[in-house]
PDB file of N, CA and C in Angstrom:
ATOM      1  N   MET A   1       0.865  -1.084  -0.060  1.00  0.00           N
ATOM      2  CA  MET A   1       0.034  -0.002   0.193  1.00  0.00           C
ATOM      3  C   MET A   1       0.821   1.339  -0.086  1.00  0.00           C
ATOM      4  N   ILE A   2       0.422   2.421  -0.421  1.00  0.00           N
ATOM      5  CA  ILE A   2       0.963   3.424  -0.604  1.00  0.00           C
ATOM      6  C   ILE A   2       0.535   4.700   0.531  1.00  0.00           C
ATOM      7  N   VAL A   3       1.681   5.200   1.006  1.00  0.00           N
ATOM      8  CA  VAL A   3       1.270   6.342   1.867  1.00  0.00           C
ATOM      9  C   VAL A   3       0.980   7.342   1.269  1.00  0.00           C
ATOM     10  N   ASP A   4      -0.227   8.124   1.169  1.00  0.00           N
ATOM     11  CA  ASP A   4      -0.291   9.010   0.231  1.00  0.00           C
ATOM     12  C   ASP A   4      -0.483  10.464   0.994  1.00  0.00           C
ATOM     13  N   GLU A   5      -0.866  10.322   2.168  1.00  0.00           N
ATOM     14  CA  GLU A   5      -0.958  11.707   3.144  1.00  0.00           C
ATOM     15  C   GLU A   5      -0.955  11.305   4.719  1.00  0.00           C
ATOM     16  N   GLN A   6      -0.482  12.210   5.476  1.00  0.00           N
ATOM     17  CA  GLN A   6      -0.202  12.020   6.722  1.00  0.00           C
ATOM     18  C   GLN A   6      -0.760  13.422   7.428  1.00  0.00           C
ATOM     19  N   HIS A   7      -1.759  13.349   8.754  1.00  0.00           N
ATOM     20  CA  HIS A   7      -1.941  14.285   9.364  1.00  0.00           C
ATOM     21  C   HIS A   7      -1.208  14.204  10.817  1.00  0.00           C
ATOM     22  N   PRO A   8      -0.771  15.141  11.314  1.00  0.00           N
ATOM     23  CA  PRO A   8       0.119  15.325  12.608  1.00  0.00           C
ATOM     24  C   PRO A   8      -0.990  15.310  13.525  1.00  0.00           C
ATOM     25  N   ALA A   9      -0.580  14.779  14.712  1.00  0.00           N
ATOM     26  CA  ALA A   9      -1.486  14.957  16.049  1.00  0.00           C
ATOM     27  C   ALA A   9      -1.568  16.410  16.327  1.00  0.00           C
ATOM     28  N   THR A  10      -2.979  16.640  16.889  1.00  0.00           N
ATOM     29  CA  THR A  10      -2.893  18.123  17.287  1.00  0.00           C
ATOM     30  C   THR A  10      -2.747  18.237  18.800  1.00  0.00           C
ATOM     31  N   ASP A  11      -2.804  19.610  19.175  1.00  0.00           N
ATOM     32  CA  ASP A  11      -2.370  19.698  20.474  1.00  0.00           C
ATOM     33  C   ASP A  11      -3.261  19.443  21.390  1.00  0.00           C
ATOM     34  N   ALA A  12      -4.580  18.933  20.983  1.00  0.00           N
ATOM     35  CA  ALA A  12      -5.929  18.841  21.778  1.00  0.00           C
ATOM     36  C   ALA A  12      -5.612  17.111  22.089  1.00  0.00           C
ATOM     37  N   GLY A  13      -4.492  16.407  21.693  1.00  0.00           N
ATOM     38  CA  GLY A  13      -4.228  15.151  21.892  1.00  0.00           C
ATOM     39  C   GLY A  13      -5.223  14.157  21.047  1.00  0.00           C
ATOM     40  N   LEU A  14      -5.749  14.707  20.090  1.00  0.00           N
ATOM     41  CA  LEU A  14      -6.385  13.989  19.036  1.00  0.00           C
ATOM     42  C   LEU A  14      -5.344  12.998  18.441  1.00  0.00           C
ATOM     43  N   PRO A  15      -5.752  11.755  17.919  1.00  0.00           N
ATOM     44  CA  PRO A  15      -5.001  10.907  17.021  1.00  0.00           C
ATOM     45  C   PRO A  15      -4.819  11.482  15.886  1.00  0.00           C
ATOM     46  N   ALA A  16      -3.520  10.930  15.590  1.00  0.00           N
ATOM     47  CA  ALA A  16      -2.945  11.235  14.250  1.00  0.00           C
ATOM     48  C   ALA A  16      -3.440  10.026  13.337  1.00  0.00           C
ATOM     49  N   ALA A  17      -3.309  10.460  12.046  1.00  0.00           N
ATOM     50  CA  ALA A  17      -3.893   9.190  11.102  1.00  0.00           C
ATOM     51  C   ALA A  17      -2.998   9.518   9.882  1.00  0.00           C
ATOM     52  N   THR A  18      -2.847   8.144   9.501  1.00  0.00           N
ATOM     53  CA  THR A  18      -1.807   7.964   7.975  1.00  0.00           C
ATOM     54  C   THR A  18      -3.109   7.517   7.130  1.00  0.00           C
ATOM     55  N   HIS A  19      -3.271   7.974   5.858  1.00  0.00           N
ATOM     56  CA  HIS A  19      -4.233   7.148   4.966  1.00  0.00           C
ATOM     57  C   HIS A  19      -3.553   6.689   3.970  1.00  0.00           C
ATOM     58  N   ARG A  20      -4.156   5.430   3.473  1.00  0.00           N
ATOM     59  CA  ARG A  20      -3.347   4.789   2.436  1.00  0.00           C
ATOM     60  C   ARG A  20      -4.565   4.145   1.617  1.00  0.00           C
ATOM     61  N   SER A  21      -4.101   4.067   0.371  1.00  0.00           N
ATOM     62  CA  SER A  21      -5.275   3.457  -0.465  1.00  0.00           C
ATOM     63  C   SER A  21      -4.376   2.434  -1.255  1.00  0.00           C
ATOM     64  N   GLY A  22      -5.264   1.363  -1.756  1.00  0.00           N
ATOM     65  CA  GLY A  22      -4.457   0.437  -2.786  1.00  0.00           C
ATOM     66  C   GLY A  22      -5.001  -1.133  -1.909  1.00  0.00           C
ATOM     67  N   GLY A  23      -4.852  -2.050  -3.072  1.00  0.00           N
ATOM     68  CA  GLY A  23      -5.410  -3.223  -2.509  1.00  0.00           C
ATOM     69  C   GLY A  23      -6.747  -3.396  -2.801  1.00  0.00           C
ATOM     70  N   TRP A  24      -7.397  -3.876  -1.462  1.00  0.00           N
ATOM     71  CA  TRP A  24      -8.805  -3.936  -1.568  1.00  0.00           C
ATOM     72  C   TRP A  24      -9.686  -2.880  -0.482  1.00  0.00           C
ATOM     73  N   ALA A  25      -8.860  -2.052  -0.194  1.00  0.00           N
ATOM     74  CA  ALA A  25      -9.449  -1.115   1.114  1.00  0.00           C
ATOM     75  C   ALA A  25      -8.751   0.239   0.851  1.00  0.00           C
ATOM     76  N   THR A  26      -9.701   1.218   1.540  1.00  0.00           N
ATOM     77  CA  THR A  26      -8.932   2.522   1.787  1.00  0.00           C
ATOM     78  C   THR A  26      -8.822   2.714   3.407  1.00  0.00           C
ATOM     79  N   THR A  27      -7.374   2.615   3.923  1.00  0.00           N
ATOM     80  CA  THR A  27      -7.185   2.545   5.304  1.00  0.00           C
ATOM     81  C   THR A  27      -6.732   4.023   5.963  1.00  0.00           C
ATOM     82  N   ALA A  28      -7.110   4.271   7.196  1.00  0.00           N
ATOM     83  CA  ALA A  28      -6.519   4.941   8.044  1.00  0.00           C
ATOM     84  C   ALA A  28      -5.977   4.496   9.218  1.00  0.00           C
ATOM     85  N   ALA A  29      -4.665   4.871   9.528  1.00  0.00           N
ATOM     86  CA  ALA A  29      -4.071   4.345  10.625  1.00  0.00           C
ATOM     87  C   ALA A  29      -3.893   5.370  11.866  1.00  0.00           C
ATOM     88  N   LEU A  30      -4.974   5.002  12.813  1.00  0.00           N
ATOM     89  CA  LEU A  30      -5.237   6.174  14.020  1.00  0.00           C
ATOM     90  C   LEU A  30      -4.126   5.974  14.827  1.00  0.00           C
ATOM     91  N   ARG A  31      -3.691   7.029  15.741  1.00  0.00           N
ATOM     92  CA  ARG A  31      -2.871   6.699  16.563  1.00  0.00           C
ATOM     93  C   ARG A  31      -3.101   7.583  17.766  1.00  0.00           C
ATOM     94  N   GLY A  32      -2.802   7.253  19.088  1.00  0.00           N
ATOM     95  CA  GLY A  32      -3.305   7.987  20.137  1.00  0.00           C
ATOM     96  C   GLY A  32      -4.410   7.967  21.029  1.00  0.00           C
ATOM     97  N   GLU A  33      -4.940   8.726  21.586  1.00  0.00           N
ATOM     98  CA  GLU A  33      -6.294   8.363  22.543  1.00  0.00           C
ATOM     99  C   GLU A  33      -7.233   8.580  21.642  1.00  0.00           C
ATOM    100  N   LEU A  34      -8.376   7.421  21.806  1.00  0.00           N
ATOM    101  CA  LEU A  34      -9.655   7.662  20.837  1.00  0.00           C
ATOM    102  C   LEU A  34     -10.732   7.772  21.908  1.00  0.00           C
ATOM    103  N   ASP A  35     -10.984   9.085  22.391  1.00  0.00           N
ATOM    104  CA  ASP A  35     -12.094   9.252  23.353  1.00  0.00           C
ATOM    105  C   ASP A  35     -13.180  10.515  22.766  1.00  0.00           C
ATOM    106  N   SER A  36     -13.919  11.029  23.521  1.00  0.00           N
ATOM    107  CA  SER A  36     -14.663  12.070  22.995  1.00  0.00           C
ATOM    108  C   SER A  36     -13.954  13.070  22.612  1.00  0.00           C
ATOM    109  N   LEU A  37     -12.898  13.522  22.953  1.00  0.00           N
ATOM    110  CA  LEU A  37     -12.093  14.741  22.316  1.00  0.00           C
ATOM    111  C   LEU A  37     -11.575  14.466  20.897  1.00  0.00           C
ATOM    112  N   ALA A  38     -11.123  13.107  20.845  1.00  0.00           N
ATOM    113  CA  ALA A  38     -10.789  12.592  19.259  1.00  0.00           C
ATOM    114  C   ALA A  38     -11.958  12.422  18.239  1.00  0.00           C
ATOM    115  N   ALA A  39     -13.227  12.627  18.809  1.00  0.00           N
ATOM    116  CA  ALA A  39     -14.369  11.864  18.001  1.00  0.00           C
ATOM    117  C   ALA A  39     -14.365  13.150  16.601  1.00  0.00           C
ATOM    118  N   PRO A  40     -14.250  14.442  16.798  1.00  0.00           N
ATOM    119  CA  PRO A  40     -14.290  15.197  15.495  1.00  0.00           C
ATOM    120  C   PRO A  40     -13.025  14.913  14.763  1.00  0.00           C
ATOM    121  N   ALA A  41     -11.852  14.667  15.185  1.00  0.00           N
ATOM    122  CA  ALA A  41     -10.895  14.058  14.298  1.00  0.00           C
ATOM    123  C   ALA A  41     -11.201  13.021  13.432  1.00  0.00           C
ATOM    124  N   VAL A  42     -11.721  12.049  14.306  1.00  0.00           N
ATOM    125  CA  VAL A  42     -12.188  10.839  13.531  1.00  0.00           C
ATOM    126  C   VAL A  42     -13.272  10.733  12.389  1.00  0.00           C
ATOM    127  N   ARG A  43     -14.114  11.874  12.954  1.00  0.00           N
ATOM    128  CA  ARG A  43     -15.134  11.965  11.813  1.00  0.00           C
ATOM    129  C   ARG A  43     -14.470  12.585  10.485  1.00  0.00           C
ATOM    130  N   ASP A  44     -13.499  13.362  10.611  1.00  0.00           N
ATOM    131  CA  ASP A  44     -12.916  14.221   9.666  1.00  0.00           C
ATOM    132  C   ASP A  44     -12.139  13.214   8.814  1.00  0.00           C
ATOM    133  N   VAL A  45     -11.431  11.982   9.542  1.00  0.00           N
ATOM    134  CA  VAL A  45     -10.754  11.315   8.674  1.00  0.00           C
ATOM    135  C   VAL A  45     -11.468  10.189   7.976  1.00  0.00           C
ATOM    136  N   VAL A  46     -12.737   9.773   8.501  1.00  0.00           N
ATOM    137  CA  VAL A  46     -13.782   9.075   7.891  1.00  0.00           C
ATOM    138  C   VAL A  46     -14.162   9.655   6.675  1.00  0.00           C
ATOM    139  N   ALA A  47     -14.538  11.043   6.934  1.00  0.00           N
ATOM    140  CA  ALA A  47     -15.104  11.845   5.670  1.00  0.00           C
ATOM    141  C   ALA A  47     -14.155  11.884   4.445  1.00  0.00           C
ATOM    142  N   GLY A  48     -13.099  12.078   4.952  1.00  0.00           N
ATOM    143  CA  GLY A  48     -12.107  12.225   3.987  1.00  0.00           C
ATOM    144  C   GLY A  48     -11.913  10.733   3.179  1.00  0.00           C
ATOM    145  N   LEU A  49     -11.920   9.866   4.066  1.00  0.00           N
ATOM    146  CA  LEU A  49     -11.835   8.407   3.108  1.00  0.00           C
ATOM    147  C   LEU A  49     -12.944   8.017   2.229  1.00  0.00           C
ATOM    148  N   LEU A  50     -14.093   8.720   2.824  1.00  0.00           N
ATOM    149  CA  LEU A  50     -15.407   8.466   2.287  1.00  0.00           C
ATOM    150  C   LEU A  50     -15.430   9.338   0.686  1.00  0.00           C
ATOM    151  N   GLY A  51     -14.718  10.321   0.775  1.00  0.00           N
ATOM    152  CA  GLY A  51     -14.800  11.112   0.006  1.00  0.00           C
ATOM    153  C   GLY A  51     -13.613  11.097  -1.450  1.00  0.00           C
ATOM    154  N   ARG A  52     -13.100   9.916  -1.171  1.00  0.00           N
ATOM    155  CA  ARG A  52     -11.992   9.423  -2.216  1.00  0.00           C
ATOM    156  C   ARG A  52     -12.523   8.854  -3.339  1.00  0.00           C
ATOM    157  N   ASN A  53     -11.940   8.553  -4.354  1.00  0.00           N
ATOM    158  CA  ASN A  53     -12.504   7.974  -5.725  1.00  0.00           C
ATOM    159  C   ASN A  53     -12.969   6.858  -5.657  1.00  0.00           C
ATOM    160  N   ASP A  54     -12.390   5.699  -5.015  1.00  0.00           N
ATOM    161  CA  ASP A  54     -12.990   4.306  -4.955  1.00  0.00           C
ATOM    162  C   ASP A  54     -14.109   4.542  -4.054  1.00  0.00           C
ATOM    163  N   GLN A  55     -15.212   4.581  -4.710  1.00  0.00           N
ATOM    164  CA  GLN A  55     -16.545   4.349  -3.855  1.00  0.00           C
ATOM    165  C   GLN A  55     -17.147   3.112  -3.309  1.00  0.00           C
ATOM    166  N   SER A  56     -16.364   2.107  -3.820  1.00  0.00           N
ATOM    167  CA  SER A  56     -16.667   0.576  -3.553  1.00  0.00           C
ATOM    168  C   SER A  56     -15.981   0.011  -2.483  1.00  0.00           C
ATOM    169  N   SER A  57     -14.457   0.604  -2.410  1.00  0.00           N
ATOM    170  CA  SER A  57     -13.760  -0.244  -1.480  1.00  0.00           C
ATOM    171  C   SER A  57     -14.195   0.113  -0.003  1.00  0.00           C
ATOM    172  N   PRO A  58     -13.970  -0.970   0.936  1.00  0.00           N
ATOM    173  CA  PRO A  58     -14.283  -0.714   2.398  1.00  0.00           C
ATOM    174  C   PRO A  58     -13.300   0.080   2.910  1.00  0.00           C
ATOM    175  N   VAL A  59     -13.874   0.999   3.936  1.00  0.00           N
ATOM    176  CA  VAL A  59     -12.940   1.655   4.711  1.00  0.00           C
ATOM    177  C   VAL A  59     -12.472   1.094   5.942  1.00  0.00           C
ATOM    178  N   VAL A  60     -11.222   0.869   6.027  1.00  0.00           N
ATOM    179  CA  VAL A  60     -10.548   0.195   7.023  1.00  0.00           C
ATOM    180  C   VAL A  60      -9.887   1.008   8.018  1.00  0.00           C
ATOM    181  N   LEU A  61     -10.189   1.104   9.408  1.00  0.00           N
ATOM    182  CA  LEU A  61      -9.706   1.982  10.308  1.00  0.00           C
ATOM    183  C   LEU A  61      -8.556   0.992  11.289  1.00  0.00           C
ATOM    184  N   ASP A  62      -7.316   1.250  11.187  1.00  0.00           N
ATOM    185  CA  ASP A  62      -6.113   0.530  12.001  1.00  0.00           C
ATOM    186  C   ASP A  62      -6.262   1.140  13.253  1.00  0.00           C
ATOM    187  N   LEU A  63      -6.391   0.379  14.280  1.00  0.00           N
ATOM    188  CA  LEU A  63      -6.326   0.943  15.728  1.00  0.00           C
ATOM    189  C   LEU A  63      -4.782   0.350  16.281  1.00  0.00           C
ATOM    190  N   THR A  64      -4.035  -0.258  15.659  1.00  0.00           N
ATOM    191  CA  THR A  64      -2.743  -0.767  16.192  1.00  0.00           C
ATOM    192  C   THR A  64      -2.041   0.259  17.039  1.00  0.00           C
ATOM    193  N   GLU A  65      -1.958   1.526  16.917  1.00  0.00           N
ATOM    194  CA  GLU A  65      -1.440   2.438  17.593  1.00  0.00           C
ATOM    195  C   GLU A  65      -2.398   3.419  18.473  1.00  0.00           C
ATOM    196  N   VAL A  66      -3.524   2.772  18.557  1.00  0.00           N
ATOM    197  CA  VAL A  66      -4.314   3.484  19.499  1.00  0.00           C
ATOM    198  C   VAL A  66      -4.157   3.255  20.958  1.00  0.00           C
ATOM    199  N   SER A  67      -3.975   4.208  21.825  1.00  0.00           N
ATOM    200  CA  SER A  67      -3.425   3.799  23.028  1.00  0.00           C
ATOM    201  C   SER A  67      -4.456   3.670  24.112  1.00  0.00           C
ATOM    202  N   PHE A  68      -5.946   4.125  23.575  1.00  0.00           N
ATOM    203  CA  PHE A  68      -6.732   4.487  24.792  1.00  0.00           C
ATOM    204  C   PHE A  68      -7.985   4.512  23.981  1.00  0.00           C
ATOM    205  N   LEU A  69      -8.919   3.637  24.525  1.00  0.00           N
ATOM    206  CA  LEU A  69     -10.212   3.679  23.929  1.00  0.00           C
ATOM    207  C   LEU A  69     -11.437   3.627  24.900  1.00  0.00           C
ATOM    208  N   ASP A  70     -11.995   4.784  25.011  1.00  0.00           N
ATOM    209  CA  ASP A  70     -13.470   4.879  25.637  1.00  0.00           C
ATOM    210  C   ASP A  70     -14.564   4.985  25.220  1.00  0.00           C
ATOM    211  N   CYS A  71     -15.800   5.283  25.763  1.00  0.00           N
ATOM    212  CA  CYS A  71     -17.051   5.145  25.399  1.00  0.00           C
ATOM    213  C   CYS A  71     -17.014   6.242  24.248  1.00  0.00           C
ATOM    214  N   GLY A  72     -16.526   7.149  24.434  1.00  0.00           N
ATOM    215  CA  GLY A  72     -16.567   8.603  23.746  1.00  0.00           C
ATOM    216  C   GLY A  72     -15.897   8.084  22.049  1.00  0.00           C
ATOM    217  N   GLY A  73     -14.968   7.192  22.137  1.00  0.00           N
ATOM    218  CA  GLY A  73     -14.174   6.751  21.179  1.00  0.00           C
ATOM    219  C   GLY A  73     -15.037   5.787  20.540  1.00  0.00           C
ATOM    220  N   VAL A  74     -15.766   4.954  21.229  1.00  0.00           N
ATOM    221  CA  VAL A  74     -16.447   3.887  20.844  1.00  0.00           C
ATOM    222  C   VAL A  74     -17.780   4.689  19.773  1.00  0.00           C
ATOM    223  N   GLY A  75     -18.126   5.754  20.370  1.00  0.00           N
ATOM    224  CA  GLY A  75     -19.386   6.440  19.591  1.00  0.00           C
ATOM    225  C   GLY A  75     -18.756   6.908  18.499  1.00  0.00           C
ATOM    226  N   ALA A  76     -17.439   7.315  18.311  1.00  0.00           N
ATOM    227  CA  ALA A  76     -16.965   7.996  16.991  1.00  0.00           C
ATOM    228  C   ALA A  76     -16.773   6.602  16.164  1.00  0.00           C
ATOM    229  N   LEU A  77     -16.537   5.406  16.537  1.00  0.00           N
ATOM    230  CA  LEU A  77     -16.327   4.299  15.712  1.00  0.00           C
ATOM    231  C   LEU A  77     -17.854   3.978  15.039  1.00  0.00           C
ATOM    232  N   VAL A  78     -18.890   4.063  15.726  1.00  0.00           N
ATOM    233  CA  VAL A  78     -20.129   3.758  15.586  1.00  0.00           C
ATOM    234  C   VAL A  78     -20.529   4.768  14.519  1.00  0.00           C
ATOM    235  N   GLU A  79     -20.228   5.970  14.789  1.00  0.00           N
ATOM    236  CA  GLU A  79     -20.634   6.854  13.846  1.00  0.00           C
ATOM    237  C   GLU A  79     -20.105   6.891  12.418  1.00  0.00           C
ATOM    238  N   ALA A  80     -18.540   6.564  12.514  1.00  0.00           N
ATOM    239  CA  ALA A  80     -17.971   6.194  11.170  1.00  0.00           C
ATOM    240  C   ALA A  80     -18.812   4.773  10.516  1.00  0.00           C
ATOM    241  N   ARG A  81     -18.922   4.163  11.355  1.00  0.00           N
ATOM    242  CA  ARG A  81     -19.720   2.889  10.451  1.00  0.00           C
ATOM    243  C   ARG A  81     -21.239   3.189   9.600  1.00  0.00           C
ATOM    244  N   SER A  82     -21.967   4.308  10.479  1.00  0.00           N
ATOM    245  CA  SER A  82     -23.126   4.722  10.188  1.00  0.00           C
ATOM    246  C   SER A  82     -22.918   5.577   8.881  1.00  0.00           C
ATOM    247  N   SER A  83     -21.684   6.369   8.739  1.00  0.00           N
ATOM    248  CA  SER A  83     -21.219   7.377   7.750  1.00  0.00           C
ATOM    249  C   SER A  83     -20.916   6.471   6.610  1.00  0.00           C
ATOM    250  N   ALA A  84     -20.528   5.298   6.797  1.00  0.00           N
ATOM    251  CA  ALA A  84     -19.876   4.440   5.566  1.00  0.00           C
ATOM    252  C   ALA A  84     -21.086   3.956   5.018  1.00  0.00           C
ATOM    253  N   GLN A  85     -21.745   3.262   5.911  1.00  0.00           N
ATOM    254  CA  GLN A  85     -23.231   2.670   5.341  1.00  0.00           C
ATOM    255  C   GLN A  85     -24.102   3.420   4.829  1.00  0.00           C
ATOM    256  N   SER A  86     -24.299   4.747   4.957  1.00  0.00           N
ATOM    257  CA  SER A  86     -24.981   5.689   4.520  1.00  0.00           C
ATOM    258  C   SER A  86     -24.329   5.990   3.048  1.00  0.00           C
ATOM    259  N   VAL A  87     -23.284   5.866   2.439  1.00  0.00           N
ATOM    260  CA  VAL A  87     -22.892   5.838   1.194  1.00  0.00           C
ATOM    261  C   VAL A  87     -22.876   4.466   0.711  1.00  0.00           C
ATOM    262  N   GLY A  88     -23.063   3.427   1.107  1.00  0.00           N
ATOM    263  CA  GLY A  88     -22.962   2.040   0.401  1.00  0.00           C
ATOM    264  C   GLY A  88     -21.718   1.452   0.880  1.00  0.00           C
ATOM    265  N   ARG A  89     -20.885   1.902   1.882  1.00  0.00           N
ATOM    266  CA  ARG A  89     -19.309   1.173   1.998  1.00  0.00           C
ATOM    267  C   ARG A  89     -19.446   0.479   3.186  1.00  0.00           C
ATOM    268  N   ARG A  90     -18.520  -0.456   3.591  1.00  0.00           N
ATOM    269  CA  ARG A  90     -18.491  -0.946   4.616  1.00  0.00           C
ATOM    270  C   ARG A  90     -17.248  -0.612   5.667  1.00  0.00           C
ATOM    271  N   LEU A  91     -17.345  -0.731   7.010  1.00  0.00           N
ATOM    272  CA  LEU A  91     -16.200  -0.300   7.723  1.00  0.00           C
ATOM    273  C   LEU A  91     -15.538  -1.508   8.259  1.00  0.00           C
ATOM    274  N   ALA A  92     -14.636  -1.474   8.438  1.00  0.00           N
ATOM    275  CA  ALA A  92     -13.526  -2.746   9.360  1.00  0.00           C
ATOM    276  C   ALA A  92     -12.814  -1.942  10.156  1.00  0.00           C
ATOM    277  N   LEU A  93     -12.430  -2.799  11.188  1.00  0.00           N
ATOM    278  CA  LEU A  93     -11.366  -2.390  12.211  1.00  0.00           C
ATOM    279  C   LEU A  93     -10.337  -3.413  12.208  1.00  0.00           C
ATOM    280  N   VAL A  94      -9.110  -3.051  12.183  1.00  0.00           N
ATOM    281  CA  VAL A  94      -7.992  -3.992  12.292  1.00  0.00           C
ATOM    282  C   VAL A  94      -7.199  -3.299  13.248  1.00  0.00           C
ATOM    283  N   GLY A  95      -6.215  -4.393  13.944  1.00  0.00           N
ATOM    284  CA  GLY A  95      -5.326  -3.828  14.801  1.00  0.00           C
ATOM    285  C   GLY A  95      -5.930  -3.588  16.277  1.00  0.00           C
ATOM    286  N   VAL A  96      -7.125  -4.164  16.414  1.00  0.00           N
ATOM    287  CA  VAL A  96      -7.716  -3.899  17.818  1.00  0.00           C
ATOM    288  C   VAL A  96      -7.019  -4.467  18.932  1.00  0.00           C
ATOM    289  N   GLN A  97      -6.484  -3.827  19.878  1.00  0.00           N
ATOM    290  CA  GLN A  97      -6.142  -4.243  20.899  1.00  0.00           C
ATOM    291  C   GLN A  97      -6.857  -5.128  21.655  1.00  0.00           C
ATOM    292  N   PRO A  98      -6.329  -6.170  22.734  1.00  0.00           N
ATOM    293  CA  PRO A  98      -7.087  -7.016  23.557  1.00  0.00           C
ATOM    294  C   PRO A  98      -8.202  -6.156  24.436  1.00  0.00           C
ATOM    295  N   ALA A  99      -7.564  -5.155  24.913  1.00  0.00           N
ATOM    296  CA  ALA A  99      -8.602  -4.486  26.045  1.00  0.00           C
ATOM    297  C   ALA A  99      -9.720  -3.783  25.230  1.00  0.00           C
ATOM    298  N   GLN A 100      -9.230  -3.121  23.940  1.00  0.00           N
ATOM    299  CA  GLN A 100     -10.075  -2.593  23.123  1.00  0.00           C
ATOM    300  C   GLN A 100     -11.334  -3.477  22.566  1.00  0.00           C
ATOM    301  N   ARG A 101     -10.923  -4.973  22.392  1.00  0.00           N
ATOM    302  CA  ARG A 101     -11.720  -5.753  21.685  1.00  0.00           C
ATOM    303  C   ARG A 101     -12.521  -6.252  22.779  1.00  0.00           C
ATOM    304  N   ARG A 102     -12.209  -6.366  24.029  1.00  0.00           N
ATOM    305  CA  ARG A 102     -13.283  -6.722  25.087  1.00  0.00           C
ATOM    306  C   ARG A 102     -14.345  -5.517  25.404  1.00  0.00           C
ATOM    307  N   LEU A 103     -13.740  -4.119  25.369  1.00  0.00           N
ATOM    308  CA  LEU A 103     -14.874  -3.258  25.571  1.00  0.00           C
ATOM    309  C   LEU A 103     -15.896  -3.446  24.390  1.00  0.00           C
ATOM    310  N   LEU A 104     -15.302  -3.516  23.111  1.00  0.00           N
ATOM    311  CA  LEU A 104     -16.243  -3.676  22.163  1.00  0.00           C
ATOM    312  C   LEU A 104     -17.293  -4.981  22.102  1.00  0.00           C
ATOM    313  N   ASP A 105     -16.703  -5.977  22.633  1.00  0.00           N
ATOM    314  CA  ASP A 105     -17.485  -7.382  22.997  1.00  0.00           C
ATOM    315  C   ASP A 105     -18.476  -7.135  23.905  1.00  0.00           C
ATOM    316  N   ILE A 106     -17.922  -6.514  24.981  1.00  0.00           N
ATOM    317  CA  ILE A 106     -18.967  -6.260  26.063  1.00  0.00           C
ATOM    318  C   ILE A 106     -20.083  -5.386  25.730  1.00  0.00           C
ATOM    319  N   LEU A 107     -19.959  -4.305  24.670  1.00  0.00           N
ATOM    320  CA  LEU A 107     -20.842  -3.517  24.439  1.00  0.00           C
ATOM    321  C   LEU A 107     -21.605  -4.078  23.105  1.00  0.00           C
ATOM    322  N   GLY A 108     -21.276  -5.339  22.657  1.00  0.00           N
ATOM    323  CA  GLY A 108     -21.979  -6.230  21.663  1.00  0.00           C
ATOM    324  C   GLY A 108     -21.556  -5.307  20.149  1.00  0.00           C
ATOM    325  N   LEU A 109     -20.669  -4.616  20.125  1.00  0.00           N
ATOM    326  CA  LEU A 109     -20.344  -4.045  18.934  1.00  0.00           C
ATOM    327  C   LEU A 109     -19.320  -4.372  17.960  1.00  0.00           C
ATOM    328  N   SER A 110     -18.662  -5.605  18.441  1.00  0.00           N
ATOM    329  CA  SER A 110     -17.471  -6.178  17.530  1.00  0.00           C
ATOM    330  C   SER A 110     -17.756  -6.484  15.877  1.00  0.00           C
ATOM    331  N   ALA A 111     -18.733  -7.261  15.953  1.00  0.00           N
ATOM    332  CA  ALA A 111     -19.473  -7.715  14.584  1.00  0.00           C
ATOM    333  C   ALA A 111     -19.955  -6.405  13.882  1.00  0.00           C
ATOM    334  N   LEU A 112     -20.816  -5.749  14.635  1.00  0.00           N
ATOM    335  CA  LEU A 112     -21.338  -4.274  13.914  1.00  0.00           C
ATOM    336  C   LEU A 112     -20.174  -3.747  13.359  1.00  0.00           C
ATOM    337  N   LEU A 113     -19.027  -3.343  14.099  1.00  0.00           N
ATOM    338  CA  LEU A 113     -18.283  -2.552  13.482  1.00  0.00           C
ATOM    339  C   LEU A 113     -16.970  -3.157  12.554  1.00  0.00           C
ATOM    340  N   GLY A 114     -17.217  -4.450  12.380  1.00  0.00           N
ATOM    341  CA  GLY A 114     -16.289  -5.190  11.454  1.00  0.00           C
ATOM    342  C   GLY A 114     -15.012  -5.507  11.925  1.00  0.00           C
ATOM    343  N   VAL A 115     -14.867  -5.641  13.178  1.00  0.00           N
ATOM    344  CA  VAL A 115     -13.719  -6.148  13.761  1.00  0.00           C
ATOM    345  C   VAL A 115     -12.839  -7.267  13.301  1.00  0.00           C
ATOM    346  N   ARG A 116     -11.652  -7.306  12.410  1.00  0.00           N
ATOM    347  CA  ARG A 116     -11.304  -8.285  11.949  1.00  0.00           C
ATOM    348  C   ARG A 116     -10.169  -8.853  12.635  1.00  0.00           C
ATOM    349  N   GLU A 117     -10.358 -10.285  13.139  1.00  0.00           N
ATOM    350  CA  GLU A 117      -9.215 -10.782  13.862  1.00  0.00           C
ATOM    351  C   GLU A 117      -8.113 -11.085  13.169  1.00  0.00           C
ATOM    352  N   GLY A 118      -6.868 -10.793  14.090  1.00  0.00           N
ATOM    353  CA  GLY A 118      -5.362 -11.131  13.358  1.00  0.00           C
ATOM    354  C   GLY A 118      -5.315 -10.466  12.017  1.00  0.00           C
ATOM    355  N   GLU A 119      -5.793  -9.301  11.632  1.00  0.00           N
ATOM    356  CA  GLU A 119      -5.212  -8.741  10.566  1.00  0.00           C
ATOM    357  C   GLU A 119      -4.632  -7.535  10.827  1.00  0.00           C
ATOM    358  N   ALA A 120      -3.487  -7.071  10.287  1.00  0.00           N
ATOM    359  CA  ALA A 120      -2.603  -5.934  10.431  1.00  0.00           C
ATOM    360  C   ALA A 120      -2.974  -5.244   9.209  1.00  0.00           C
ATOM    361  N   ALA A 121      -2.648  -3.960   9.335  1.00  0.00           N
ATOM    362  CA  ALA A 121      -3.089  -3.006   8.513  1.00  0.00           C
ATOM    363  C   ALA A 121      -2.381  -3.350   7.026  1.00  0.00           C
ATOM    364  N   GLN A 122      -0.994  -3.950   7.178  1.00  0.00           N
ATOM    365  CA  GLN A 122      -0.462  -4.216   5.925  1.00  0.00           C
ATOM    366  C   GLN A 122      -1.360  -5.267   4.809  1.00  0.00           C
ATOM    367  N   THR A 123      -2.210  -6.082   5.587  1.00  0.00           N
ATOM    368  CA  THR A 123      -3.035  -7.018   4.722  1.00  0.00           C
ATOM    369  C   THR A 123      -4.314  -6.247   4.454  1.00  0.00           C
ATOM    370  N   ALA A 124      -4.822  -5.183   5.043  1.00  0.00           N
ATOM    371  CA  ALA A 124      -5.991  -4.527   4.996  1.00  0.00           C
ATOM    372  C   ALA A 124      -6.069  -3.767   3.503  1.00  0.00           C
TER     373      ALA A 124
END
């Protein structure tokens, strides 16, 4: 995959994102804390991915470098899924850490959010 754009982390502690296109998906690798403060940044990242040319490819969010996920961040992921679905695209999450997966499982959202087991961003 080709790295075609990077957005540095902001001073508010929002996650940075690296966008990649190629293969079967359009991917954003998120870094940092994913909480209610990060929700607007996640919304912007997903809107950017959905605005790209390949309107049929799934949107993949790589959480490998996300150090913290709370309910505010989960809300942002649910909103991302909703945004993708509204334009006929699928959302998948890769690189989900065990504690993050446990939270999503407890909330009953792992399947809804397309958590892909054992997949790293390089295969997404």
